[in-house]
Amino acid sequence: MAKNLVIYYSRKGQNYVNGTIKNLEKGNTQIVAEYIRDAAGADLFELETVKEYSTDYMVCTEEAQEELRAKARPELKQYPGSVAGYDNIVIAGPCWWGTYPMAVFSALDRLDFTGKKVFPVMTHEGSGLSGAAQSLKKSCKGAVVGSGLAVQGARAAASQKEVSAWAVKNLK
């Protein structure tokens, strides 16, 4: 059986859900990452920034856009170690301005993906996978980018069947 890792960034608290701002106890991407873990026996690595984003959703979107424009690499509390022991690495995050949060790239820049399969997973409120696959092709040198999965954030909690089927098909 393949050895799988899910590297993910998730935002709890204020989030945009079906046209309104709601307070989430658990971020949508974390929910999806846990479904992948359960279906494919994957290890999880959560990315957390040293400097937290604003708790106000609208301010957070502005911070995210500024980081994207600056191609920032926010400092993380911990970085994933080597991915040498894994066959498949899922990179999961919310869609922020057409790609992953810059914190994801802070982690990816430090890893050697040679000979690995990477899979884009994105939670969103209408943009689908957006630029996730292209971002991974640029950031995960030497990896093969596999089939991605987009989950509408508002449906994350109800997506277990869909997410599990994707994980079994792609990661087993």
Protein backbone atom coordinates (compact mmCIF):
# COMPACT_ATOMS: atom_id res chain seq x y z
CA MET A 1 0.00 0.00 0.00
CA ALA A 2 1.20 3.51 -0.80
CA LYS A 3 2.43 5.81 1.97
CA ASN A 4 0.46 9.08 1.94
CA LEU A 5 0.90 12.52 3.46
CA VAL A 6 -1.53 15.43 3.52
CA ILE A 7 0.07 18.84 3.99
CA TYR A 8 -2.67 21.37 4.59
CA TYR A 9 -3.51 24.90 5.64
CA SER A 10 -6.99 25.58 6.99
CA ARG A 11 -8.77 28.64 8.36
CA LYS A 12 -11.23 28.34 11.23
CA GLY A 13 -13.21 31.27 12.57
CA GLN A 14 -14.75 33.71 10.11
CA ASN A 15 -15.15 32.25 6.61
CA TYR A 16 -17.19 33.05 3.52
CA VAL A 17 -19.93 30.43 3.19
CA ASN A 18 -22.67 30.57 0.54
CA GLY A 19 -22.59 34.35 0.27
CA THR A 20 -22.33 35.20 3.95
CA ILE A 21 -19.67 35.29 6.66
CA LYS A 22 -19.96 32.46 9.19
CA ASN A 23 -17.88 31.45 12.17
CA LEU A 24 -16.46 27.92 11.77
CA GLU A 25 -15.16 25.90 14.70
CA LYS A 26 -13.08 23.80 12.30
CA GLY A 27 -11.78 24.97 8.94
CA ASN A 28 -13.18 23.42 5.77
CA THR A 29 -9.79 22.25 4.53
CA GLN A 30 -9.09 20.52 7.85
CA ILE A 31 -12.36 18.62 7.53
CA VAL A 32 -11.43 17.48 4.00
CA ALA A 33 -7.86 16.59 5.07
CA GLU A 34 -9.23 14.41 7.86
CA TYR A 35 -11.54 12.61 5.43
CA ILE A 36 -8.52 11.89 3.19
CA ARG A 37 -6.56 10.65 6.21
CA ASP A 38 -9.35 8.30 7.20
CA ALA A 39 -9.94 6.94 3.68
CA ALA A 40 -6.30 6.49 2.62
CA GLY A 41 -4.44 6.00 5.88
CA ALA A 42 -2.54 9.26 5.36
CA ASP A 43 -0.43 11.19 7.80
CA LEU A 44 -1.47 14.82 8.37
CA PHE A 45 0.72 17.90 8.66
CA GLU A 46 -1.07 21.15 9.45
CA LEU A 47 0.63 24.38 8.45
CA GLU A 48 0.33 27.22 10.95
CA THR A 49 1.80 30.70 10.53
CA VAL A 50 3.78 32.40 13.27
CA LYS A 51 1.98 35.67 12.60
CA GLU A 52 -1.69 34.84 12.54
CA TYR A 53 -4.00 36.28 9.94
CA SER A 54 -6.70 38.66 11.09
CA THR A 55 -9.72 37.04 12.70
CA ASP A 56 -11.85 39.38 10.55
CA TYR A 57 -12.49 37.57 7.26
CA MET A 58 -12.44 40.70 5.08
CA VAL A 59 -9.16 41.92 6.59
CA CYS A 60 -7.71 38.42 6.12
CA THR A 61 -8.54 38.53 2.41
CA GLU A 62 -6.64 41.80 2.11
CA GLU A 63 -3.65 40.33 3.97
CA ALA A 64 -3.73 37.29 1.67
CA GLN A 65 -3.80 39.47 -1.43
CA GLU A 66 -0.85 41.53 -0.17
CA GLU A 67 1.14 38.35 0.46
CA LEU A 68 0.32 37.03 -3.00
CA ARG A 69 1.42 40.28 -4.69
CA ALA A 70 4.66 40.26 -2.69
CA LYS A 71 5.22 36.52 -3.29
CA ALA A 72 5.66 36.37 0.49
CA ARG A 73 6.68 33.28 2.38
CA PRO A 74 5.21 33.70 5.85
CA GLU A 75 7.14 32.02 8.65
CA LEU A 76 5.57 28.81 9.92
CA LYS A 77 5.49 27.49 13.48
CA GLN A 78 6.80 24.16 12.14
CA TYR A 79 7.92 22.94 8.76
CA PRO A 80 7.32 19.46 7.39
CA GLY A 81 10.48 17.36 7.32
CA SER A 82 11.56 15.23 4.41
CA VAL A 83 8.88 13.67 2.24
CA ALA A 84 11.27 10.89 1.20
CA GLY A 85 9.23 8.21 2.98
CA TYR A 86 6.02 9.06 1.11
CA ASP A 87 4.74 7.98 -2.29
CA ASN A 88 1.89 10.50 -2.51
CA ILE A 89 1.64 13.99 -1.07
CA VAL A 90 -1.68 15.81 -1.03
CA ILE A 91 -1.39 19.59 -0.84
CA ALA A 92 -4.63 20.98 0.55
CA GLY A 93 -5.76 24.51 1.24
CA PRO A 94 -8.45 27.09 0.67
CA CYS A 95 -8.50 29.02 -2.59
CA TRP A 96 -7.15 32.48 -1.81
CA TRP A 97 -6.96 34.73 -4.86
CA GLY A 98 -6.74 31.84 -7.32
CA THR A 99 -4.10 29.77 -5.54
CA TYR A 100 -3.07 28.39 -2.17
CA PRO A 101 -2.32 30.68 0.78
CA MET A 102 1.32 31.78 0.64
CA ALA A 103 1.95 29.80 3.85
CA VAL A 104 1.62 26.63 1.77
CA PHE A 105 4.50 27.75 -0.45
CA SER A 106 6.60 28.48 2.66
CA ALA A 107 6.49 24.73 3.28
CA LEU A 108 6.74 23.52 -0.32
CA ASP A 109 9.86 25.58 -1.04
CA ARG A 110 11.80 23.52 1.53
CA LEU A 111 10.90 20.05 0.26
CA ASP A 112 12.35 17.76 -2.40
CA PHE A 113 9.52 16.27 -4.46
CA THR A 114 11.69 14.33 -6.91
CA GLY A 115 9.92 11.12 -7.89
CA LYS A 116 6.78 11.88 -5.86
CA LYS A 117 3.16 12.20 -6.89
CA VAL A 118 1.45 15.34 -5.62
CA PHE A 119 -2.27 15.98 -5.64
CA PRO A 120 -3.96 19.38 -5.42
CA VAL A 121 -6.94 19.65 -3.10
CA MET A 122 -8.72 22.94 -2.65
CA THR A 123 -11.72 24.15 -0.71
CA HIS A 124 -13.52 27.06 -2.31
CA GLU A 125 -16.76 28.98 -2.62
CA GLY A 126 -17.04 28.90 -6.39
CA SER A 127 -13.56 28.89 -7.92
CA GLY A 128 -12.95 25.14 -7.98
CA LEU A 129 -9.30 24.10 -8.20
CA SER A 130 -8.45 27.46 -9.79
CA GLY A 131 -4.63 27.57 -10.20
CA ALA A 132 -3.79 24.78 -7.74
CA ALA A 133 -2.38 22.28 -10.24
CA GLN A 134 -0.30 24.91 -12.03
CA SER A 135 1.05 26.15 -8.70
CA LEU A 136 2.13 22.65 -7.74
CA LYS A 137 3.81 22.08 -11.12
CA LYS A 138 5.94 25.17 -10.44
CA SER A 139 6.60 24.54 -6.75
CA CYS A 140 7.04 20.77 -6.58
CA LYS A 141 9.94 20.26 -8.99
CA GLY A 142 10.44 16.65 -10.00
CA ALA A 143 6.95 15.57 -8.99
CA VAL A 144 4.11 14.28 -11.10
CA VAL A 145 0.92 16.24 -10.44
CA GLY A 146 -2.04 13.91 -10.15
CA SER A 147 -5.78 14.38 -10.35
CA GLY A 148 -7.05 17.13 -8.08
CA LEU A 149 -10.12 17.55 -5.95
CA ALA A 150 -12.15 20.70 -5.38
CA VAL A 151 -14.68 20.79 -2.55
CA GLN A 152 -17.02 23.69 -1.99
CA GLY A 153 -16.33 24.88 1.53
CA ALA A 154 -20.01 25.12 2.38
CA ARG A 155 -20.26 21.38 1.57
CA ALA A 156 -17.05 20.27 3.31
CA ALA A 157 -18.76 18.63 6.28
CA ALA A 158 -21.11 16.73 3.93
CA SER A 159 -18.38 15.69 1.46
CA GLN A 160 -17.02 12.59 3.18
CA LYS A 161 -18.32 10.14 0.56
CA GLU A 162 -16.96 12.19 -2.37
CA VAL A 163 -13.60 12.88 -0.68
CA SER A 164 -13.17 9.26 0.42
CA ALA A 165 -13.90 7.97 -3.09
CA TRP A 166 -11.32 10.39 -4.55
CA ALA A 167 -8.73 9.35 -1.95
CA VAL A 168 -9.23 5.62 -2.50
CA LYS A 169 -9.06 6.04 -6.29
CA ASN A 170 -5.92 8.19 -6.27
CA LEU A 171 -3.91 7.30 -3.17
CA LYS A 172 -4.27 3.56 -2.57
